[in-house]
Amino acid sequence: MKTWTKWQNWVAVAAGLYAALATIWTTTDGKTTTTLIVLGVLIAIAGLMNLFAPRMRSMEGAQGILGILLFISPWVLAFTGLTGIAITAFVCGAVTIIVTAWVLPAVMKTDEGHHHRPAAA
């Protein structure tokens, strides 16, 4: 796979940036602001790392886990009452999960040929 070409990771970067920046125009409190900024920035960084080094399965997995954390954060941190920011977390988390699940099989397939084989006896 070539670097900087997977549109799915560009979408994850955009979702992460949107989550982080949504705290500017959406009503939040201290914990929601911190949560969305931190998880959003981490998702964007993971997406950029995946674009830069497309065969790093661990970063694809990390991107997916961060998406799950963002998606469940309104329930875990009890900010479902802040509708705007909760919807932002749901949507950005779901988008990250979906695009990561979409690209992960391709990463797994391209990596299969790069495993070391045991030496012949």
C-alpha atoms as a PDB file:
ATOM      1  CA  MET A   1       0.000   0.000   0.000  1.00  0.00           C
ATOM      2  CA  LYS A   2       1.191   3.481  -0.780  1.00  0.00           C
ATOM      3  CA  THR A   3       1.415   6.142   1.879  1.00  0.00           C
ATOM      4  CA  TRP A   4      -1.210   8.906   2.138  1.00  0.00           C
ATOM      5  CA  THR A   5      -3.711   7.095  -0.112  1.00  0.00           C
ATOM      6  CA  LYS A   6      -6.280   5.390   2.148  1.00  0.00           C
ATOM      7  CA  TRP A   7      -9.367   7.600   2.094  1.00  0.00           C
ATOM      8  CA  GLN A   8     -10.693   5.770   5.168  1.00  0.00           C
ATOM      9  CA  ASN A   9      -7.882   7.178   7.289  1.00  0.00           C
ATOM     10  CA  TRP A  10      -8.452  10.676   5.911  1.00  0.00           C
ATOM     11  CA  VAL A  11     -12.065  10.310   7.097  1.00  0.00           C
ATOM     12  CA  ALA A  12     -10.834   9.218  10.541  1.00  0.00           C
ATOM     13  CA  VAL A  13      -8.516  12.251  10.690  1.00  0.00           C
ATOM     14  CA  ALA A  14     -11.441  14.518   9.791  1.00  0.00           C
ATOM     15  CA  ALA A  15     -13.697  12.863  12.404  1.00  0.00           C
ATOM     16  CA  GLY A  16     -11.023  13.269  15.069  1.00  0.00           C
ATOM     17  CA  LEU A  17     -10.443  16.912  14.214  1.00  0.00           C
ATOM     18  CA  TYR A  18     -14.173  17.595  14.168  1.00  0.00           C
ATOM     19  CA  ALA A  19     -14.590  15.983  17.599  1.00  0.00           C
ATOM     20  CA  ALA A  20     -11.725  18.023  19.037  1.00  0.00           C
ATOM     21  CA  LEU A  21     -12.885  21.311  17.492  1.00  0.00           C
ATOM     22  CA  ALA A  22     -16.604  20.797  18.221  1.00  0.00           C
ATOM     23  CA  THR A  23     -15.936  21.899  21.776  1.00  0.00           C
ATOM     24  CA  ILE A  24     -15.557  25.438  20.410  1.00  0.00           C
ATOM     25  CA  TRP A  25     -19.143  25.755  19.105  1.00  0.00           C
ATOM     26  CA  THR A  26     -21.002  23.188  21.208  1.00  0.00           C
ATOM     27  CA  THR A  27     -22.113  23.475  24.835  1.00  0.00           C
ATOM     28  CA  THR A  28     -19.793  21.410  27.024  1.00  0.00           C
ATOM     29  CA  ASP A  29     -18.507  21.118  30.551  1.00  0.00           C
ATOM     30  CA  GLY A  30     -14.984  20.464  31.796  1.00  0.00           C
ATOM     31  CA  LYS A  31     -14.895  16.695  31.412  1.00  0.00           C
ATOM     32  CA  THR A  32     -16.587  16.655  28.019  1.00  0.00           C
ATOM     33  CA  THR A  33     -14.257  19.307  26.641  1.00  0.00           C
ATOM     34  CA  THR A  34     -11.195  17.389  27.799  1.00  0.00           C
ATOM     35  CA  THR A  35     -12.559  14.050  26.609  1.00  0.00           C
ATOM     36  CA  LEU A  36     -13.448  15.204  23.115  1.00  0.00           C
ATOM     37  CA  ILE A  37     -10.242  17.168  22.628  1.00  0.00           C
ATOM     38  CA  VAL A  38      -7.999  14.329  23.831  1.00  0.00           C
ATOM     39  CA  LEU A  39      -9.801  11.508  22.001  1.00  0.00           C
ATOM     40  CA  GLY A  40     -10.302  13.624  18.879  1.00  0.00           C
ATOM     41  CA  VAL A  41      -6.632  14.576  18.676  1.00  0.00           C
ATOM     42  CA  LEU A  42      -5.553  10.978  19.333  1.00  0.00           C
ATOM     43  CA  ILE A  43      -7.872   9.704  16.572  1.00  0.00           C
ATOM     44  CA  ALA A  44      -6.463  12.308  14.169  1.00  0.00           C
ATOM     45  CA  ILE A  45      -2.882  11.333  15.097  1.00  0.00           C
ATOM     46  CA  ALA A  46      -3.663   7.624  14.671  1.00  0.00           C
ATOM     47  CA  GLY A  47      -5.201   8.356  11.272  1.00  0.00           C
ATOM     48  CA  LEU A  48      -2.138  10.346  10.208  1.00  0.00           C
ATOM     49  CA  MET A  49       0.156   7.566  11.425  1.00  0.00           C
ATOM     50  CA  ASN A  50      -1.886   5.070   9.407  1.00  0.00           C
ATOM     51  CA  LEU A  51      -1.572   7.281   6.342  1.00  0.00           C
ATOM     52  CA  PHE A  52       2.177   7.666   6.842  1.00  0.00           C
ATOM     53  CA  ALA A  53       2.858   3.980   7.601  1.00  0.00           C
ATOM     54  CA  PRO A  54      -0.044   2.045   6.049  1.00  0.00           C
ATOM     55  CA  ARG A  55       1.130  -1.410   7.154  1.00  0.00           C
ATOM     56  CA  MET A  56       1.093  -0.703  10.898  1.00  0.00           C
ATOM     57  CA  ARG A  57      -1.738  -2.947  12.066  1.00  0.00           C
ATOM     58  CA  SER A  58      -1.288  -1.816  15.655  1.00  0.00           C
ATOM     59  CA  MET A  59      -2.139   1.793  14.745  1.00  0.00           C
ATOM     60  CA  GLU A  60      -5.231   0.674  12.837  1.00  0.00           C
ATOM     61  CA  GLY A  61      -6.310  -1.194  15.955  1.00  0.00           C
ATOM     62  CA  ALA A  62      -5.551   1.818  18.147  1.00  0.00           C
ATOM     63  CA  GLN A  63      -7.634   4.022  15.851  1.00  0.00           C
ATOM     64  CA  GLY A  64     -10.567   1.627  16.198  1.00  0.00           C
ATOM     65  CA  ILE A  65     -10.249   1.446  19.989  1.00  0.00           C
ATOM     66  CA  LEU A  66     -10.145   5.242  20.219  1.00  0.00           C
ATOM     67  CA  GLY A  67     -13.291   5.380  18.080  1.00  0.00           C
ATOM     68  CA  ILE A  68     -15.013   2.968  20.468  1.00  0.00           C
ATOM     69  CA  LEU A  69     -13.925   5.046  23.471  1.00  0.00           C
ATOM     70  CA  LEU A  70     -15.276   8.200  21.846  1.00  0.00           C
ATOM     71  CA  PHE A  71     -18.555   6.474  20.979  1.00  0.00           C
ATOM     72  CA  ILE A  72     -19.182   5.199  24.526  1.00  0.00           C
ATOM     73  CA  SER A  73     -17.880   8.288  26.325  1.00  0.00           C
ATOM     74  CA  PRO A  74     -21.288  10.009  26.687  1.00  0.00           C
ATOM     75  CA  TRP A  75     -22.593   7.037  28.675  1.00  0.00           C
ATOM     76  CA  VAL A  76     -19.421   6.323  30.628  1.00  0.00           C
ATOM     77  CA  LEU A  77     -18.879   9.957  31.614  1.00  0.00           C
ATOM     78  CA  ALA A  78     -22.619  10.691  31.921  1.00  0.00           C
ATOM     79  CA  PHE A  79     -22.900  13.592  29.512  1.00  0.00           C
ATOM     80  CA  THR A  80     -25.793  12.320  27.418  1.00  0.00           C
ATOM     81  CA  GLY A  81     -27.769  15.302  28.734  1.00  0.00           C
ATOM     82  CA  LEU A  82     -25.515  17.638  26.737  1.00  0.00           C
ATOM     83  CA  THR A  83     -27.191  16.624  23.503  1.00  0.00           C
ATOM     84  CA  GLY A  84     -24.992  18.461  20.992  1.00  0.00           C
ATOM     85  CA  ILE A  85     -21.667  17.217  22.268  1.00  0.00           C
ATOM     86  CA  ALA A  86     -23.052  13.725  22.960  1.00  0.00           C
ATOM     87  CA  ILE A  87     -24.248  13.441  19.348  1.00  0.00           C
ATOM     88  CA  THR A  88     -20.844  14.667  18.190  1.00  0.00           C
ATOM     89  CA  ALA A  89     -19.162  11.918  20.231  1.00  0.00           C
ATOM     90  CA  PHE A  90     -21.577   9.274  18.913  1.00  0.00           C
ATOM     91  CA  VAL A  91     -21.234  10.258  15.265  1.00  0.00           C
ATOM     92  CA  CYS A  92     -17.472  10.870  15.233  1.00  0.00           C
ATOM     93  CA  GLY A  93     -16.881   7.661  17.182  1.00  0.00           C
ATOM     94  CA  ALA A  94     -19.141   5.643  14.882  1.00  0.00           C
ATOM     95  CA  VAL A  95     -17.517   7.081  11.752  1.00  0.00           C
ATOM     96  CA  THR A  96     -14.074   6.192  13.112  1.00  0.00           C
ATOM     97  CA  ILE A  97     -15.184   2.654  13.984  1.00  0.00           C
ATOM     98  CA  ILE A  98     -16.777   2.103  10.559  1.00  0.00           C
ATOM     99  CA  VAL A  99     -13.854   3.360   8.470  1.00  0.00           C
ATOM    100  CA  THR A 100     -11.368   1.444  10.617  1.00  0.00           C
ATOM    101  CA  ALA A 101     -13.380  -1.759  10.236  1.00  0.00           C
ATOM    102  CA  TRP A 102     -13.520  -1.078   6.500  1.00  0.00           C
ATOM    103  CA  VAL A 103      -9.749  -0.732   6.049  1.00  0.00           C
ATOM    104  CA  LEU A 104      -8.529  -3.279   8.611  1.00  0.00           C
ATOM    105  CA  PRO A 105      -9.114  -6.400   6.451  1.00  0.00           C
ATOM    106  CA  ALA A 106      -7.037  -4.837   3.648  1.00  0.00           C
ATOM    107  CA  VAL A 107      -4.199  -4.119   6.083  1.00  0.00           C
ATOM    108  CA  MET A 108      -4.364  -7.664   7.450  1.00  0.00           C
ATOM    109  CA  LYS A 109      -4.319  -9.126   3.920  1.00  0.00           C
ATOM    110  CA  THR A 110      -1.311  -7.105   2.728  1.00  0.00           C
ATOM    111  CA  ASP A 111       0.590  -8.011   5.874  1.00  0.00           C
ATOM    112  CA  GLU A 112       0.146 -11.774   5.437  1.00  0.00           C
ATOM    113  CA  GLY A 113       2.992 -12.082   2.980  1.00  0.00           C
ATOM    114  CA  HIS A 114       5.459 -10.324   5.266  1.00  0.00           C
ATOM    115  CA  HIS A 115       5.568 -12.832   8.108  1.00  0.00           C
ATOM    116  CA  HIS A 116       8.751 -14.713   8.737  1.00  0.00           C
ATOM    117  CA  ARG A 117       8.600 -18.391   7.998  1.00  0.00           C
ATOM    118  CA  PRO A 118      10.351 -20.897  10.222  1.00  0.00           C
ATOM    119  CA  ALA A 119      13.602 -22.238   8.853  1.00  0.00           C
ATOM    120  CA  ALA A 120      13.454 -25.631   7.195  1.00  0.00           C
ATOM    121  CA  ALA A 121      14.800 -28.463   9.278  1.00  0.00           C
END
